[in-house]
Amino acid sequence: MYGDFKLMTKNSTSYDKSYEKFSTIVEEVALGIWKAIKDARGTCVSFTPRRLVEYAGERGNIKPIKLTLVKYVLDELVKKGIIERVDRHYRICKYVGDPSNEDTKNPLWELCKSIETPEKVINLLKQLVE
């Protein structure tokens, strides 16, 4: 009757369970931010939600619902003043405001540059977003 249409349920083998826990999305955003800043050669990094997911290691067909959740996490970080939003891109800079003032260093930037693994960044983002 429905042809090749297959109803996706939790009992289906093809049901994607990666979105059942919001914390996995926050962890992926944290990993992407950590890698982007760790590899940065300048004082700012700019990315889209898709590019951030790619920094975290996912390639290929990224589902739109995942990008929506990533965008939600990034928008929450914008509200906290940690990152900036410019059109469809997000930006994290070493300094927030006046770069000649040492007190304006971005704590997320400093954290990412000073550690070798992303666990502390993951914990920080979970505290800020969840």
C-alpha atoms as a PDB file:
ATOM      1  CA  MET A   1       0.000   0.000   0.000  1.00  0.00           C
ATOM      2  CA  TYR A   2       2.773   2.467   0.883  1.00  0.00           C
ATOM      3  CA  GLY A   3       5.367   1.175  -1.546  1.00  0.00           C
ATOM      4  CA  ASP A   4       8.927   1.668  -0.302  1.00  0.00           C
ATOM      5  CA  PHE A   5       7.851   3.936   2.563  1.00  0.00           C
ATOM      6  CA  LYS A   6       9.101   2.646   5.907  1.00  0.00           C
ATOM      7  CA  LEU A   7       7.748   3.961   9.185  1.00  0.00           C
ATOM      8  CA  MET A   8      10.612   4.919  11.515  1.00  0.00           C
ATOM      9  CA  THR A   9       9.951   3.938  15.107  1.00  0.00           C
ATOM     10  CA  LYS A  10      12.144   3.434  18.147  1.00  0.00           C
ATOM     11  CA  ASN A  11      11.931  -0.296  17.548  1.00  0.00           C
ATOM     12  CA  SER A  12      13.185   0.028  13.957  1.00  0.00           C
ATOM     13  CA  THR A  13      16.767  -0.964  13.329  1.00  0.00           C
ATOM     14  CA  SER A  14      17.386   2.175  11.267  1.00  0.00           C
ATOM     15  CA  TYR A  15      16.118   4.611  13.939  1.00  0.00           C
ATOM     16  CA  ASP A  16      18.904   7.071  14.731  1.00  0.00           C
ATOM     17  CA  LYS A  17      19.292   7.234  18.520  1.00  0.00           C
ATOM     18  CA  SER A  18      22.042   9.869  18.550  1.00  0.00           C
ATOM     19  CA  TYR A  19      19.507  12.644  19.191  1.00  0.00           C
ATOM     20  CA  GLU A  20      17.879  11.033  22.217  1.00  0.00           C
ATOM     21  CA  LYS A  21      20.422  12.644  24.540  1.00  0.00           C
ATOM     22  CA  PHE A  22      20.946  16.366  24.162  1.00  0.00           C
ATOM     23  CA  SER A  23      24.254  16.064  26.004  1.00  0.00           C
ATOM     24  CA  THR A  24      25.773  14.224  23.020  1.00  0.00           C
ATOM     25  CA  ILE A  25      25.064  17.285  20.847  1.00  0.00           C
ATOM     26  CA  VAL A  26      26.673  19.569  23.450  1.00  0.00           C
ATOM     27  CA  GLU A  27      29.709  17.260  23.556  1.00  0.00           C
ATOM     28  CA  GLU A  28      30.010  17.344  19.777  1.00  0.00           C
ATOM     29  CA  VAL A  29      29.783  21.155  19.731  1.00  0.00           C
ATOM     30  CA  ALA A  30      32.454  21.352  22.444  1.00  0.00           C
ATOM     31  CA  LEU A  31      34.732  18.993  20.512  1.00  0.00           C
ATOM     32  CA  GLY A  32      34.272  21.022  17.320  1.00  0.00           C
ATOM     33  CA  ILE A  33      34.990  24.313  19.103  1.00  0.00           C
ATOM     34  CA  TRP A  34      38.048  22.836  20.821  1.00  0.00           C
ATOM     35  CA  LYS A  35      39.485  21.533  17.528  1.00  0.00           C
ATOM     36  CA  ALA A  36      38.745  24.786  15.672  1.00  0.00           C
ATOM     37  CA  ILE A  37      40.453  26.926  18.311  1.00  0.00           C
ATOM     38  CA  LYS A  38      43.315  24.481  18.863  1.00  0.00           C
ATOM     39  CA  ASP A  39      44.131  24.547  15.127  1.00  0.00           C
ATOM     40  CA  ALA A  40      43.656  28.340  14.792  1.00  0.00           C
ATOM     41  CA  ARG A  41      46.656  30.285  13.540  1.00  0.00           C
ATOM     42  CA  GLY A  42      45.171  33.714  14.144  1.00  0.00           C
ATOM     43  CA  THR A  43      43.037  35.287  16.855  1.00  0.00           C
ATOM     44  CA  CYS A  44      39.555  34.420  15.513  1.00  0.00           C
ATOM     45  CA  VAL A  45      37.771  31.390  14.133  1.00  0.00           C
ATOM     46  CA  SER A  46      34.550  31.536  12.152  1.00  0.00           C
ATOM     47  CA  PHE A  47      32.278  28.611  11.329  1.00  0.00           C
ATOM     48  CA  THR A  48      28.769  27.513  10.455  1.00  0.00           C
ATOM     49  CA  PRO A  49      26.945  24.782  12.391  1.00  0.00           C
ATOM     50  CA  ARG A  50      27.731  22.331   9.563  1.00  0.00           C
ATOM     51  CA  ARG A  51      31.444  23.181   9.609  1.00  0.00           C
ATOM     52  CA  LEU A  52      31.524  22.788  13.390  1.00  0.00           C
ATOM     53  CA  VAL A  53      30.050  19.282  13.133  1.00  0.00           C
ATOM     54  CA  GLU A  54      32.692  18.520  10.502  1.00  0.00           C
ATOM     55  CA  TYR A  55      35.432  19.765  12.873  1.00  0.00           C
ATOM     56  CA  ALA A  56      34.060  17.293  15.415  1.00  0.00           C
ATOM     57  CA  GLY A  57      34.641  14.488  12.938  1.00  0.00           C
ATOM     58  CA  GLU A  58      31.334  13.810  11.215  1.00  0.00           C
ATOM     59  CA  ARG A  59      31.444  13.733   7.441  1.00  0.00           C
ATOM     60  CA  GLY A  60      28.890  13.130   4.755  1.00  0.00           C
ATOM     61  CA  ASN A  61      25.153  13.405   5.155  1.00  0.00           C
ATOM     62  CA  ILE A  62      24.486  15.457   8.306  1.00  0.00           C
ATOM     63  CA  LYS A  63      20.810  15.436   9.249  1.00  0.00           C
ATOM     64  CA  PRO A  64      19.037  18.825   9.434  1.00  0.00           C
ATOM     65  CA  ILE A  65      17.711  18.096  12.943  1.00  0.00           C
ATOM     66  CA  LYS A  66      21.273  17.746  14.177  1.00  0.00           C
ATOM     67  CA  LEU A  67      22.235  21.085  12.654  1.00  0.00           C
ATOM     68  CA  THR A  68      19.203  22.688  14.318  1.00  0.00           C
ATOM     69  CA  LEU A  69      20.308  21.369  17.711  1.00  0.00           C
ATOM     70  CA  VAL A  70      23.884  22.535  17.122  1.00  0.00           C
ATOM     71  CA  LYS A  71      22.563  25.973  16.180  1.00  0.00           C
ATOM     72  CA  TYR A  72      20.518  26.055  19.401  1.00  0.00           C
ATOM     73  CA  VAL A  73      23.650  25.319  21.482  1.00  0.00           C
ATOM     74  CA  LEU A  74      25.617  27.997  19.624  1.00  0.00           C
ATOM     75  CA  ASP A  75      22.811  30.541  20.092  1.00  0.00           C
ATOM     76  CA  GLU A  76      22.852  29.823  23.827  1.00  0.00           C
ATOM     77  CA  LEU A  77      26.598  30.566  23.863  1.00  0.00           C
ATOM     78  CA  VAL A  78      25.898  33.816  22.003  1.00  0.00           C
ATOM     79  CA  LYS A  79      23.428  34.787  24.743  1.00  0.00           C
ATOM     80  CA  LYS A  80      26.172  34.158  27.330  1.00  0.00           C
ATOM     81  CA  GLY A  81      28.558  36.450  25.412  1.00  0.00           C
ATOM     82  CA  ILE A  82      31.172  33.769  24.759  1.00  0.00           C
ATOM     83  CA  ILE A  83      30.809  33.663  20.984  1.00  0.00           C
ATOM     84  CA  GLU A  84      29.462  36.110  18.402  1.00  0.00           C
ATOM     85  CA  ARG A  85      26.985  35.612  15.595  1.00  0.00           C
ATOM     86  CA  VAL A  86      27.566  37.322  12.278  1.00  0.00           C
ATOM     87  CA  ASP A  87      24.825  36.539   9.736  1.00  0.00           C
ATOM     88  CA  ARG A  88      24.822  32.731   9.399  1.00  0.00           C
ATOM     89  CA  HIS A  89      28.317  32.343  10.828  1.00  0.00           C
ATOM     90  CA  TYR A  90      29.490  32.141  14.408  1.00  0.00           C
ATOM     91  CA  ARG A  91      32.797  33.583  15.559  1.00  0.00           C
ATOM     92  CA  ILE A  92      35.038  33.072  18.559  1.00  0.00           C
ATOM     93  CA  CYS A  93      37.880  35.525  19.078  1.00  0.00           C
ATOM     94  CA  LYS A  94      40.772  35.575  21.503  1.00  0.00           C
ATOM     95  CA  TYR A  95      39.642  38.953  22.804  1.00  0.00           C
ATOM     96  CA  VAL A  96      36.147  40.168  23.583  1.00  0.00           C
ATOM     97  CA  GLY A  97      36.088  43.906  22.967  1.00  0.00           C
ATOM     98  CA  ASP A  98      39.372  45.825  23.244  1.00  0.00           C
ATOM     99  CA  PRO A  99      42.383  43.589  22.378  1.00  0.00           C
ATOM    100  CA  SER A 100      44.839  45.985  24.078  1.00  0.00           C
ATOM    101  CA  ASN A 101      43.226  45.248  27.462  1.00  0.00           C
ATOM    102  CA  GLU A 102      44.398  41.901  28.901  1.00  0.00           C
ATOM    103  CA  ASP A 103      41.174  41.643  30.952  1.00  0.00           C
ATOM    104  CA  THR A 104      39.137  41.144  27.783  1.00  0.00           C
ATOM    105  CA  LYS A 105      40.547  37.717  26.918  1.00  0.00           C
ATOM    106  CA  ASN A 106      37.887  35.163  26.024  1.00  0.00           C
ATOM    107  CA  PRO A 107      37.944  32.409  28.689  1.00  0.00           C
ATOM    108  CA  LEU A 108      36.812  29.767  26.183  1.00  0.00           C
ATOM    109  CA  TRP A 109      39.661  30.658  23.814  1.00  0.00           C
ATOM    110  CA  GLU A 110      42.212  30.533  26.641  1.00  0.00           C
ATOM    111  CA  LEU A 111      40.879  27.198  27.881  1.00  0.00           C
ATOM    112  CA  CYS A 112      40.981  25.580  24.436  1.00  0.00           C
ATOM    113  CA  LYS A 113      44.522  26.775  23.742  1.00  0.00           C
ATOM    114  CA  SER A 114      45.847  25.594  27.129  1.00  0.00           C
ATOM    115  CA  ILE A 115      44.566  21.993  27.231  1.00  0.00           C
ATOM    116  CA  GLU A 116      45.424  18.885  25.223  1.00  0.00           C
ATOM    117  CA  THR A 117      42.048  17.097  25.491  1.00  0.00           C
ATOM    118  CA  PRO A 118      38.511  18.529  25.159  1.00  0.00           C
ATOM    119  CA  GLU A 119      37.041  17.223  28.444  1.00  0.00           C
ATOM    120  CA  LYS A 120      37.211  20.584  30.257  1.00  0.00           C
ATOM    121  CA  VAL A 121      35.575  22.329  27.301  1.00  0.00           C
ATOM    122  CA  ILE A 122      32.813  19.711  27.282  1.00  0.00           C
ATOM    123  CA  ASN A 123      32.201  20.242  31.008  1.00  0.00           C
ATOM    124  CA  LEU A 124      32.161  24.038  30.598  1.00  0.00           C
ATOM    125  CA  LEU A 125      29.644  23.950  27.758  1.00  0.00           C
ATOM    126  CA  LYS A 126      27.410  21.512  29.644  1.00  0.00           C
ATOM    127  CA  GLN A 127      27.351  23.937  32.587  1.00  0.00           C
ATOM    128  CA  LEU A 128      26.543  26.883  30.338  1.00  0.00           C
ATOM    129  CA  VAL A 129      23.916  25.285  28.088  1.00  0.00           C
ATOM    130  CA  GLU A 130      22.137  22.473  29.892  1.00  0.00           C
END
